Amino acid sequence: MQMPASRKQDDSITGGKFDASALERGAKALKELDSSPNAGKAFELTKLAEMSRQKELQAEIEGQQMARAQAQLQRSQQEGDDRRKTISHQNEQERRTAEYKARLDSELYQKKLEEKLTFKEWPEVKKSTKWGQVPVVITADGQEMTQTKALVRYFGKQVSWGRKHLIFSKKLYPTDAKLAFQVDEMIDAMEDVRMKITPTFKIKDQAEKEAARKALFAEGGECTELLKKIEMYCGDKFVAGNTLTIADIWFFFFLNLLRSGFFDGLPKDFLDKYPKMKAIVANVGSIPEVKAYYAKKDLSKEPLYSPFVE
């Protein structure tokens, strides 16, 4: 019986026989394909397709890199914002802490001021002070601070005036070097007035003492000439610059002291001759906190405070 052709072909392959005609047919087909005019185009299309794919992959890689870079930039910006917020918060906390400490120091200083010493107590207390003088401020951490002008400058650097925590809230002692110099200069000029009065305390005869003081404040007197110069260099509302400083506080204290009766023989109306300084004294006296403080004084017991409450 004769077997089918397909069975013979399978037997030739599975049986280990080599079919040369099949190989020849395959080679011929490849040769025909290679010689075809469309073969080059097919190759070019395949090449273009591969190049397009490579470009797509490169664009995808670049897109991923850009996304990572943008994410890193956003993280850096966020970290920078967080650091700035932290620094701003720390600065605000430090400022509040400084103001709180200054307030404690000021309150302690006020208590010390209200501890009035008698002449009998002073010799013993004097031994315990740093320079044998008052005022003395003991800070919250136990530091002893002395010298009036140094204390005023210290508190002026701690205490702000104006609406609290806003940009125009300013320290009473200026941070600007030139303005600070003007402030110190005007305070020292007023101190020169005081130094003219100091020698009169050595005069034992009361009438002679009062006459010497009146002469200082008379027309042509040494204190009058100094006060005229100070009046000339003062501002219309503030002593120095266009803002409240420790110089205004100093003038308020000293000029009121001069007309309080503490210095026997001085005319209580002397300030009327100096309108700018009189306006400065009135301006400081109108500050609510200052006004409230002196309003508590019992003038029947402490009449020297009368000018401070006008």
C-alpha atoms as a PDB file:
ATOM      1  CA  MET A   1       0.000   0.000   0.000  1.00  0.00           C
ATOM      2  CA  GLN A   2       1.319   3.512  -0.982  1.00  0.00           C
ATOM      3  CA  MET A   3       1.707   6.173   1.851  1.00  0.00           C
ATOM      4  CA  PRO A   4       0.512   9.825   1.427  1.00  0.00           C
ATOM      5  CA  ALA A   5       3.083  12.461   0.428  1.00  0.00           C
ATOM      6  CA  SER A   6       2.675  14.408   3.659  1.00  0.00           C
ATOM      7  CA  ARG A   7       3.399  11.343   5.663  1.00  0.00           C
ATOM      8  CA  LYS A   8       6.560  10.806   3.598  1.00  0.00           C
ATOM      9  CA  GLN A   9       7.640  14.415   4.287  1.00  0.00           C
ATOM     10  CA  ASP A  10       7.065  14.050   8.015  1.00  0.00           C
ATOM     11  CA  ASP A  11       8.980  10.824   8.024  1.00  0.00           C
ATOM     12  CA  SER A  12      11.860  12.491   6.212  1.00  0.00           C
ATOM     13  CA  ILE A  13      12.086  15.201   8.883  1.00  0.00           C
ATOM     14  CA  THR A  14      11.405  13.152  11.984  1.00  0.00           C
ATOM     15  CA  GLY A  15      13.373  10.323  10.695  1.00  0.00           C
ATOM     16  CA  GLY A  16      16.512  12.420  10.513  1.00  0.00           C
ATOM     17  CA  LYS A  17      16.604  12.891   6.727  1.00  0.00           C
ATOM     18  CA  PHE A  18      17.755  16.311   5.396  1.00  0.00           C
ATOM     19  CA  ASP A  19      15.411  17.993   2.853  1.00  0.00           C
ATOM     20  CA  ALA A  20      17.697  20.122   0.646  1.00  0.00           C
ATOM     21  CA  SER A  21      14.876  21.333  -1.518  1.00  0.00           C
ATOM     22  CA  ALA A  22      13.184  23.051   1.446  1.00  0.00           C
ATOM     23  CA  LEU A  23      16.377  24.916   2.246  1.00  0.00           C
ATOM     24  CA  GLU A  24      16.794  25.952  -1.360  1.00  0.00           C
ATOM     25  CA  ARG A  25      13.248  27.280  -1.476  1.00  0.00           C
ATOM     26  CA  GLY A  26      13.879  29.344   1.707  1.00  0.00           C
ATOM     27  CA  ALA A  27      17.134  30.786   0.327  1.00  0.00           C
ATOM     28  CA  LYS A  28      15.439  31.662  -2.920  1.00  0.00           C
ATOM     29  CA  ALA A  29      12.652  33.467  -1.069  1.00  0.00           C
ATOM     30  CA  LEU A  30      15.166  35.513   0.935  1.00  0.00           C
ATOM     31  CA  LYS A  31      17.105  36.327  -2.227  1.00  0.00           C
ATOM     32  CA  GLU A  32      13.946  37.498  -3.953  1.00  0.00           C
ATOM     33  CA  LEU A  33      13.040  39.627  -0.917  1.00  0.00           C
ATOM     34  CA  ASP A  34      16.494  41.180  -0.780  1.00  0.00           C
ATOM     35  CA  SER A  35      16.424  42.023  -4.490  1.00  0.00           C
ATOM     36  CA  SER A  36      12.924  43.506  -4.215  1.00  0.00           C
ATOM     37  CA  PRO A  37      12.762  47.342  -4.690  1.00  0.00           C
ATOM     38  CA  ASN A  38      10.652  47.548  -1.524  1.00  0.00           C
ATOM     39  CA  ALA A  39      13.244  45.866   0.659  1.00  0.00           C
ATOM     40  CA  GLY A  40      15.252  49.069   1.249  1.00  0.00           C
ATOM     41  CA  LYS A  41      12.119  50.983   2.075  1.00  0.00           C
ATOM     42  CA  ALA A  42      11.056  48.301   4.504  1.00  0.00           C
ATOM     43  CA  PHE A  43      14.461  48.486   6.181  1.00  0.00           C
ATOM     44  CA  GLU A  44      14.313  52.284   6.375  1.00  0.00           C
ATOM     45  CA  LEU A  45      10.814  52.141   7.833  1.00  0.00           C
ATOM     46  CA  THR A  46      11.992  49.660  10.415  1.00  0.00           C
ATOM     47  CA  LYS A  47      14.982  51.905  11.200  1.00  0.00           C
ATOM     48  CA  LEU A  48      12.778  54.999  11.488  1.00  0.00           C
ATOM     49  CA  ALA A  49      10.370  53.140  13.725  1.00  0.00           C
ATOM     50  CA  GLU A  50      13.251  52.103  16.002  1.00  0.00           C
ATOM     51  CA  MET A  51      14.632  55.662  16.061  1.00  0.00           C
ATOM     52  CA  SER A  52      11.180  57.004  16.877  1.00  0.00           C
ATOM     53  CA  ARG A  53      10.912  54.531  19.704  1.00  0.00           C
ATOM     54  CA  GLN A  54      14.339  55.551  21.022  1.00  0.00           C
ATOM     55  CA  LYS A  55      13.304  59.212  20.936  1.00  0.00           C
ATOM     56  CA  GLU A  56      10.110  58.386  22.789  1.00  0.00           C
ATOM     57  CA  LEU A  57      12.113  56.551  25.413  1.00  0.00           C
ATOM     58  CA  GLN A  58      14.589  59.468  25.690  1.00  0.00           C
ATOM     59  CA  ALA A  59      11.728  61.962  26.002  1.00  0.00           C
ATOM     60  CA  GLU A  60      10.152  59.793  28.691  1.00  0.00           C
ATOM     61  CA  ILE A  61      13.457  59.627  30.586  1.00  0.00           C
ATOM     62  CA  GLU A  62      13.928  63.405  30.299  1.00  0.00           C
ATOM     63  CA  GLY A  63      10.351  63.961  31.462  1.00  0.00           C
ATOM     64  CA  GLN A  64      10.959  61.777  34.504  1.00  0.00           C
ATOM     65  CA  GLN A  65      14.206  63.641  35.235  1.00  0.00           C
ATOM     66  CA  MET A  66      12.440  66.995  34.935  1.00  0.00           C
ATOM     67  CA  ALA A  67       9.646  65.815  37.210  1.00  0.00           C
ATOM     68  CA  ARG A  68      12.211  64.706  39.800  1.00  0.00           C
ATOM     69  CA  ALA A  69      14.034  68.040  39.500  1.00  0.00           C
ATOM     70  CA  GLN A  70      10.779  69.967  39.950  1.00  0.00           C
ATOM     71  CA  ALA A  71       9.871  67.827  42.933  1.00  0.00           C
ATOM     72  CA  GLN A  72      13.314  68.468  44.435  1.00  0.00           C
ATOM     73  CA  LEU A  73      12.957  72.203  43.794  1.00  0.00           C
ATOM     74  CA  GLN A  74       9.542  72.224  45.474  1.00  0.00           C
ATOM     75  CA  ARG A  75      10.965  70.325  48.445  1.00  0.00           C
ATOM     76  CA  SER A  76      13.864  72.795  48.676  1.00  0.00           C
ATOM     77  CA  GLN A  77      11.480  75.754  48.498  1.00  0.00           C
ATOM     78  CA  GLN A  78       9.253  74.217  51.153  1.00  0.00           C
ATOM     79  CA  GLU A  79      12.247  73.505  53.374  1.00  0.00           C
ATOM     80  CA  GLY A  80      13.409  77.109  52.846  1.00  0.00           C
ATOM     81  CA  ASP A  81       9.957  78.419  53.754  1.00  0.00           C
ATOM     82  CA  ASP A  82       9.917  76.192  56.824  1.00  0.00           C
ATOM     83  CA  ARG A  83      13.370  77.445  57.882  1.00  0.00           C
ATOM     84  CA  ARG A  84      12.341  81.078  57.389  1.00  0.00           C
ATOM     85  CA  LYS A  85       9.186  80.502  59.417  1.00  0.00           C
ATOM     86  CA  THR A  86      11.241  78.833  62.140  1.00  0.00           C
ATOM     87  CA  ILE A  87      13.780  81.700  62.190  1.00  0.00           C
ATOM     88  CA  SER A  88      10.978  84.271  62.206  1.00  0.00           C
ATOM     89  CA  HIS A  89       9.270  82.437  65.060  1.00  0.00           C
ATOM     90  CA  GLN A  90      12.547  82.230  66.999  1.00  0.00           C
ATOM     91  CA  ASN A  91      13.186  85.952  66.468  1.00  0.00           C
ATOM     92  CA  GLU A  92       9.680  86.769  67.648  1.00  0.00           C
ATOM     93  CA  GLN A  93      10.109  84.566  70.719  1.00  0.00           C
ATOM     94  CA  GLU A  94      13.474  86.180  71.500  1.00  0.00           C
ATOM     95  CA  ARG A  95      11.973  89.653  71.128  1.00  0.00           C
ATOM     96  CA  ARG A  96       9.069  88.797  73.415  1.00  0.00           C
ATOM     97  CA  THR A  97      11.427  87.211  75.931  1.00  0.00           C
ATOM     98  CA  ALA A  98      13.627  90.326  75.917  1.00  0.00           C
ATOM     99  CA  GLU A  99      10.611  92.577  76.425  1.00  0.00           C
ATOM    100  CA  TYR A 100       9.334  90.334  79.217  1.00  0.00           C
ATOM    101  CA  LYS A 101      12.702  90.404  80.973  1.00  0.00           C
ATOM    102  CA  ALA A 102      12.893  94.164  80.560  1.00  0.00           C
ATOM    103  CA  ARG A 103       9.438  94.491  82.064  1.00  0.00           C
ATOM    104  CA  LEU A 104      10.446  92.336  85.032  1.00  0.00           C
ATOM    105  CA  ASP A 105      13.593  94.397  85.475  1.00  0.00           C
ATOM    106  CA  SER A 106      11.580  97.588  85.232  1.00  0.00           C
ATOM    107  CA  GLU A 107       9.040  96.372  87.788  1.00  0.00           C
ATOM    108  CA  LEU A 108      11.823  95.349  90.146  1.00  0.00           C
ATOM    109  CA  TYR A 109      13.489  98.709  89.596  1.00  0.00           C
ATOM    110  CA  GLN A 110      10.242 100.469  90.396  1.00  0.00           C
ATOM    111  CA  LYS A 111       9.886  98.519  93.629  1.00  0.00           C
ATOM    112  CA  LYS A 112      13.414  99.548  94.547  1.00  0.00           C
ATOM    113  CA  LEU A 113      12.591 103.165  93.796  1.00  0.00           C
ATOM    114  CA  GLU A 114       9.577 102.966  96.043  1.00  0.00           C
ATOM    115  CA  GLU A 115      11.724 101.633  98.872  1.00  0.00           C
ATOM    116  CA  LYS A 116      12.574 105.096 100.164  1.00  0.00           C
ATOM    117  CA  LEU A 117      15.682 105.277 102.256  1.00  0.00           C
ATOM    118  CA  THR A 118      15.968 107.491 105.266  1.00  0.00           C
ATOM    119  CA  PHE A 119      19.171 109.327 106.091  1.00  0.00           C
ATOM    120  CA  LYS A 120      19.606 106.980 109.029  1.00  0.00           C
ATOM    121  CA  GLU A 121      19.340 103.870 106.848  1.00  0.00           C
ATOM    122  CA  TRP A 122      21.571 105.108 104.037  1.00  0.00           C
ATOM    123  CA  PRO A 123      25.020 104.698 105.693  1.00  0.00           C
ATOM    124  CA  GLU A 124      24.357 101.000 106.270  1.00  0.00           C
ATOM    125  CA  VAL A 125      22.767 100.414 102.851  1.00  0.00           C
ATOM    126  CA  LYS A 126      25.600 102.297 101.162  1.00  0.00           C
ATOM    127  CA  LYS A 127      28.065  99.596 102.231  1.00  0.00           C
ATOM    128  CA  SER A 128      26.154  96.976 100.245  1.00  0.00           C
ATOM    129  CA  THR A 129      25.989  98.930  96.980  1.00  0.00           C
ATOM    130  CA  LYS A 130      28.462  98.551  94.134  1.00  0.00           C
ATOM    131  CA  TRP A 131      29.680 102.149  94.028  1.00  0.00           C
ATOM    132  CA  GLY A 132      28.216 103.451  97.257  1.00  0.00           C
ATOM    133  CA  GLN A 133      25.439 105.148  95.288  1.00  0.00           C
ATOM    134  CA  VAL A 134      21.830 104.748  94.247  1.00  0.00           C
ATOM    135  CA  PRO A 135      19.949 103.838  92.134  1.00  0.00           C
ATOM    136  CA  VAL A 136      20.690 100.126  92.151  1.00  0.00           C
ATOM    137  CA  VAL A 137      18.756  97.597  90.060  1.00  0.00           C
ATOM    138  CA  ILE A 138      18.889  93.879  90.814  1.00  0.00           C
ATOM    139  CA  THR A 139      17.873  91.943  87.705  1.00  0.00           C
ATOM    140  CA  ALA A 140      15.868  88.711  87.674  1.00  0.00           C
ATOM    141  CA  ASP A 141      19.100  86.702  87.364  1.00  0.00           C
ATOM    142  CA  GLY A 142      20.689  88.517  90.306  1.00  0.00           C
ATOM    143  CA  GLN A 143      22.937  90.961  88.440  1.00  0.00           C
ATOM    144  CA  GLU A 144      23.468  94.303  90.170  1.00  0.00           C
ATOM    145  CA  MET A 145      23.140  97.226  87.762  1.00  0.00           C
ATOM    146  CA  THR A 146      24.011 100.828  88.638  1.00  0.00           C
ATOM    147  CA  GLN A 147      24.666 104.311  87.196  1.00  0.00           C
ATOM    148  CA  THR A 148      21.580 106.240  86.149  1.00  0.00           C
ATOM    149  CA  LYS A 149      22.443 106.981  82.526  1.00  0.00           C
ATOM    150  CA  ALA A 150      23.697 103.447  81.911  1.00  0.00           C
ATOM    151  CA  LEU A 151      20.439 102.092  83.326  1.00  0.00           C
ATOM    152  CA  VAL A 152      18.371 104.437  81.172  1.00  0.00           C
ATOM    153  CA  ARG A 153      20.229 103.339  78.039  1.00  0.00           C
ATOM    154  CA  TYR A 154      19.858  99.676  79.013  1.00  0.00           C
ATOM    155  CA  PHE A 155      16.107  99.912  79.502  1.00  0.00           C
ATOM    156  CA  GLY A 156      15.833 102.089  76.403  1.00  0.00           C
ATOM    157  CA  LYS A 157      17.319  99.249  74.349  1.00  0.00           C
ATOM    158  CA  GLN A 158      14.790  96.784  75.758  1.00  0.00           C
ATOM    159  CA  VAL A 159      11.581  98.785  75.773  1.00  0.00           C
ATOM    160  CA  SER A 160       9.589  99.680  72.658  1.00  0.00           C
ATOM    161  CA  TRP A 161       6.962 102.344  72.266  1.00  0.00           C
ATOM    162  CA  GLY A 162       4.077 102.622  69.822  1.00  0.00           C
ATOM    163  CA  ARG A 163       1.613  99.874  68.976  1.00  0.00           C
ATOM    164  CA  LYS A 164       3.150  96.624  70.137  1.00  0.00           C
ATOM    165  CA  HIS A 165       4.534  94.065  67.689  1.00  0.00           C
ATOM    166  CA  LEU A 166       3.971  96.254  64.625  1.00  0.00           C
ATOM    167  CA  ILE A 167       6.587  97.541  62.230  1.00  0.00           C
ATOM    168  CA  PHE A 168       6.531 101.080  63.554  1.00  0.00           C
ATOM    169  CA  SER A 169       7.035 100.028  67.175  1.00  0.00           C
ATOM    170  CA  LYS A 170      10.475 101.479  68.059  1.00  0.00           C
ATOM    171  CA  LYS A 171      13.016 101.093  70.831  1.00  0.00           C
ATOM    172  CA  LEU A 172      13.449 104.088  73.133  1.00  0.00           C
ATOM    173  CA  TYR A 173      17.198 103.952  72.542  1.00  0.00           C
ATOM    174  CA  PRO A 174      17.773 104.270  68.778  1.00  0.00           C
ATOM    175  CA  THR A 175      19.565 101.574  66.797  1.00  0.00           C
ATOM    176  CA  ASP A 176      20.708 104.225  64.315  1.00  0.00           C
ATOM    177  CA  ALA A 177      24.181 105.320  65.450  1.00  0.00           C
ATOM    178  CA  LYS A 178      23.819 108.997  64.525  1.00  0.00           C
ATOM    179  CA  LEU A 179      20.437 109.352  66.180  1.00  0.00           C
ATOM    180  CA  ALA A 180      21.757 107.535  69.262  1.00  0.00           C
ATOM    181  CA  PHE A 181      24.612 110.038  69.377  1.00  0.00           C
ATOM    182  CA  GLN A 182      22.175 112.962  69.226  1.00  0.00           C
ATOM    183  CA  VAL A 183      20.183 111.416  72.064  1.00  0.00           C
ATOM    184  CA  ASP A 184      23.278 110.982  74.246  1.00  0.00           C
ATOM    185  CA  GLU A 185      24.531 114.450  73.343  1.00  0.00           C
ATOM    186  CA  MET A 186      21.284 116.147  74.426  1.00  0.00           C
ATOM    187  CA  ILE A 187      21.153 114.175  77.677  1.00  0.00           C
ATOM    188  CA  ASP A 188      24.745 115.159  78.449  1.00  0.00           C
ATOM    189  CA  ALA A 189      23.924 118.796  77.658  1.00  0.00           C
ATOM    190  CA  MET A 190      21.091 118.661  80.198  1.00  0.00           C
ATOM    191  CA  GLU A 191      23.483 117.066  82.653  1.00  0.00           C
ATOM    192  CA  ASP A 192      25.716 120.122  82.250  1.00  0.00           C
ATOM    193  CA  VAL A 193      22.825 122.164  83.632  1.00  0.00           C
ATOM    194  CA  ARG A 194      22.640 119.893  86.659  1.00  0.00           C
ATOM    195  CA  MET A 195      26.383 120.165  87.222  1.00  0.00           C
ATOM    196  CA  LYS A 196      26.025 123.958  87.480  1.00  0.00           C
ATOM    197  CA  ILE A 197      23.554 123.475  90.338  1.00  0.00           C
ATOM    198  CA  THR A 198      25.456 120.774  92.244  1.00  0.00           C
ATOM    199  CA  PRO A 199      27.993 123.107  93.946  1.00  0.00           C
ATOM    200  CA  THR A 200      25.162 125.042  95.592  1.00  0.00           C
ATOM    201  CA  PHE A 201      24.459 122.086  97.877  1.00  0.00           C
ATOM    202  CA  LYS A 202      27.682 122.913  99.713  1.00  0.00           C
ATOM    203  CA  ILE A 203      26.422 126.376 100.656  1.00  0.00           C
ATOM    204  CA  LYS A 204      25.272 126.129 104.271  1.00  0.00           C
ATOM    205  CA  ASP A 205      23.445 129.442 104.559  1.00  0.00           C
ATOM    206  CA  GLN A 206      19.941 128.913 103.175  1.00  0.00           C
ATOM    207  CA  ALA A 207      19.448 132.453 101.893  1.00  0.00           C
ATOM    208  CA  GLU A 208      22.826 132.431 100.208  1.00  0.00           C
ATOM    209  CA  LYS A 209      22.094 129.045  98.651  1.00  0.00           C
ATOM    210  CA  GLU A 210      18.769 130.225  97.207  1.00  0.00           C
ATOM    211  CA  ALA A 211      20.335 133.435  95.899  1.00  0.00           C
ATOM    212  CA  ALA A 212      23.062 131.457  94.109  1.00  0.00           C
ATOM    213  CA  ARG A 213      20.479 129.255  92.438  1.00  0.00           C
ATOM    214  CA  LYS A 214      18.329 132.176  91.352  1.00  0.00           C
ATOM    215  CA  ALA A 215      21.394 133.766  89.789  1.00  0.00           C
ATOM    216  CA  LEU A 216      22.032 130.611  87.738  1.00  0.00           C
ATOM    217  CA  PHE A 217      18.522 130.824  86.258  1.00  0.00           C
ATOM    218  CA  ALA A 218      18.367 134.603  85.895  1.00  0.00           C
ATOM    219  CA  GLU A 219      18.849 136.270  82.525  1.00  0.00           C
ATOM    220  CA  GLY A 220      22.496 135.780  81.597  1.00  0.00           C
ATOM    221  CA  GLY A 221      22.941 133.078  84.248  1.00  0.00           C
ATOM    222  CA  GLU A 222      24.947 129.964  83.385  1.00  0.00           C
ATOM    223  CA  CYS A 223      21.972 127.592  83.504  1.00  0.00           C
ATOM    224  CA  THR A 224      19.818 129.976  81.488  1.00  0.00           C
ATOM    225  CA  GLU A 225      22.451 130.233  78.738  1.00  0.00           C
ATOM    226  CA  LEU A 226      22.752 126.416  78.569  1.00  0.00           C
ATOM    227  CA  LEU A 227      18.974 125.971  78.457  1.00  0.00           C
ATOM    228  CA  LYS A 228      18.716 128.482  75.610  1.00  0.00           C
ATOM    229  CA  LYS A 229      21.169 126.426  73.567  1.00  0.00           C
ATOM    230  CA  ILE A 230      19.383 123.187  74.376  1.00  0.00           C
ATOM    231  CA  GLU A 231      16.067 124.778  73.368  1.00  0.00           C
ATOM    232  CA  MET A 232      17.611 125.834  70.056  1.00  0.00           C
ATOM    233  CA  TYR A 233      18.777 122.311  69.198  1.00  0.00           C
ATOM    234  CA  CYS A 234      15.602 120.499  70.336  1.00  0.00           C
ATOM    235  CA  GLY A 235      12.898 119.377  67.959  1.00  0.00           C
ATOM    236  CA  ASP A 236       9.409 120.837  68.168  1.00  0.00           C
ATOM    237  CA  LYS A 237       7.888 117.669  69.611  1.00  0.00           C
ATOM    238  CA  PHE A 238      10.822 115.356  70.334  1.00  0.00           C
ATOM    239  CA  VAL A 239      14.287 116.085  71.655  1.00  0.00           C
ATOM    240  CA  ALA A 240      16.103 114.275  68.826  1.00  0.00           C
ATOM    241  CA  GLY A 241      14.804 113.059  65.485  1.00  0.00           C
ATOM    242  CA  ASN A 242      11.113 112.547  64.920  1.00  0.00           C
ATOM    243  CA  THR A 243      10.504 109.833  67.473  1.00  0.00           C
ATOM    244  CA  LEU A 244      10.239 109.367  71.230  1.00  0.00           C
ATOM    245  CA  THR A 245      13.570 108.392  72.819  1.00  0.00           C
ATOM    246  CA  ILE A 246      15.182 108.196  76.233  1.00  0.00           C
ATOM    247  CA  ALA A 247      16.193 111.838  75.728  1.00  0.00           C
ATOM    248  CA  ASP A 248      12.517 112.832  75.961  1.00  0.00           C
ATOM    249  CA  ILE A 249      12.139 110.706  79.095  1.00  0.00           C
ATOM    250  CA  TRP A 250      15.256 112.334  80.583  1.00  0.00           C
ATOM    251  CA  PHE A 251      14.044 115.856  79.846  1.00  0.00           C
ATOM    252  CA  PHE A 252      10.613 115.040  81.301  1.00  0.00           C
ATOM    253  CA  PHE A 253      12.200 113.850  84.540  1.00  0.00           C
ATOM    254  CA  PHE A 254      14.869 116.521  84.972  1.00  0.00           C
ATOM    255  CA  LEU A 255      12.917 119.614  83.891  1.00  0.00           C
ATOM    256  CA  ASN A 256      10.021 118.618  86.140  1.00  0.00           C
ATOM    257  CA  LEU A 257      12.454 118.027  88.980  1.00  0.00           C
ATOM    258  CA  LEU A 258      13.859 121.553  88.532  1.00  0.00           C
ATOM    259  CA  ARG A 259      10.401 123.084  88.975  1.00  0.00           C
ATOM    260  CA  SER A 260       9.172 120.681  91.671  1.00  0.00           C
ATOM    261  CA  GLY A 261      10.575 122.588  94.658  1.00  0.00           C
ATOM    262  CA  PHE A 262      13.304 120.042  95.298  1.00  0.00           C
ATOM    263  CA  PHE A 263      15.895 122.762  94.578  1.00  0.00           C
ATOM    264  CA  ASP A 264      15.147 125.622  96.950  1.00  0.00           C
ATOM    265  CA  GLY A 265      15.280 128.992  95.243  1.00  0.00           C
ATOM    266  CA  LEU A 266      14.562 127.912  91.672  1.00  0.00           C
ATOM    267  CA  PRO A 267      11.593 129.628  89.999  1.00  0.00           C
ATOM    268  CA  LYS A 268       8.867 127.085  89.278  1.00  0.00           C
ATOM    269  CA  ASP A 269       7.811 128.865  86.099  1.00  0.00           C
ATOM    270  CA  PHE A 270      11.271 128.873  84.466  1.00  0.00           C
ATOM    271  CA  LEU A 271      10.127 126.377  81.807  1.00  0.00           C
ATOM    272  CA  ASP A 272       7.690 128.911  80.313  1.00  0.00           C
ATOM    273  CA  LYS A 273      10.653 130.585  78.605  1.00  0.00           C
ATOM    274  CA  TYR A 274      11.389 127.431  76.601  1.00  0.00           C
ATOM    275  CA  PRO A 275       8.297 126.481  74.543  1.00  0.00           C
ATOM    276  CA  LYS A 276       9.844 123.516  72.717  1.00  0.00           C
ATOM    277  CA  MET A 277      11.085 121.865  75.907  1.00  0.00           C
ATOM    278  CA  LYS A 278       7.763 122.598  77.594  1.00  0.00           C
ATOM    279  CA  ALA A 279       5.966 120.857  74.708  1.00  0.00           C
ATOM    280  CA  ILE A 280       8.304 117.852  74.995  1.00  0.00           C
ATOM    281  CA  VAL A 281       7.574 117.552  78.733  1.00  0.00           C
ATOM    282  CA  ALA A 282       3.822 117.747  78.025  1.00  0.00           C
ATOM    283  CA  ASN A 283       4.115 115.144  75.259  1.00  0.00           C
ATOM    284  CA  VAL A 284       5.790 112.588  77.546  1.00  0.00           C
ATOM    285  CA  GLY A 285       3.341 113.367  80.342  1.00  0.00           C
ATOM    286  CA  SER A 286       0.425 112.590  78.015  1.00  0.00           C
ATOM    287  CA  ILE A 287       1.568 108.994  77.394  1.00  0.00           C
ATOM    288  CA  PRO A 288      -1.188 106.834  78.988  1.00  0.00           C
ATOM    289  CA  GLU A 289       1.200 104.663  81.001  1.00  0.00           C
ATOM    290  CA  VAL A 290       3.103 107.686  82.320  1.00  0.00           C
ATOM    291  CA  LYS A 291      -0.103 109.504  83.129  1.00  0.00           C
ATOM    292  CA  ALA A 292      -1.531 106.460  84.939  1.00  0.00           C
ATOM    293  CA  TYR A 293       1.636 106.034  87.010  1.00  0.00           C
ATOM    294  CA  TYR A 294       1.713 109.596  88.339  1.00  0.00           C
ATOM    295  CA  ALA A 295      -2.048 109.657  88.844  1.00  0.00           C
ATOM    296  CA  LYS A 296      -1.508 107.230  91.728  1.00  0.00           C
ATOM    297  CA  LYS A 297       0.651 109.705  93.617  1.00  0.00           C
ATOM    298  CA  ASP A 298      -0.843 111.321  96.709  1.00  0.00           C
ATOM    299  CA  LEU A 299       0.207 114.942  96.224  1.00  0.00           C
ATOM    300  CA  SER A 300      -0.776 115.838  99.769  1.00  0.00           C
ATOM    301  CA  LYS A 301       2.008 113.527 100.948  1.00  0.00           C
ATOM    302  CA  GLU A 302       4.369 113.898  97.988  1.00  0.00           C
ATOM    303  CA  PRO A 303       3.927 117.449  96.650  1.00  0.00           C
ATOM    304  CA  LEU A 304       7.177 117.244  94.668  1.00  0.00           C
ATOM    305  CA  TYR A 305       5.284 115.194  92.063  1.00  0.00           C
ATOM    306  CA  SER A 306       2.927 118.084  91.248  1.00  0.00           C
ATOM    307  CA  PRO A 307       4.675 119.068  87.966  1.00  0.00           C
ATOM    308  CA  PHE A 308       4.635 115.449  86.819  1.00  0.00           C
ATOM    309  CA  VAL A 309       0.838 115.234  86.872  1.00  0.00           C
ATOM    310  CA  GLU A 310       0.070 118.503  85.043  1.00  0.00           C
END
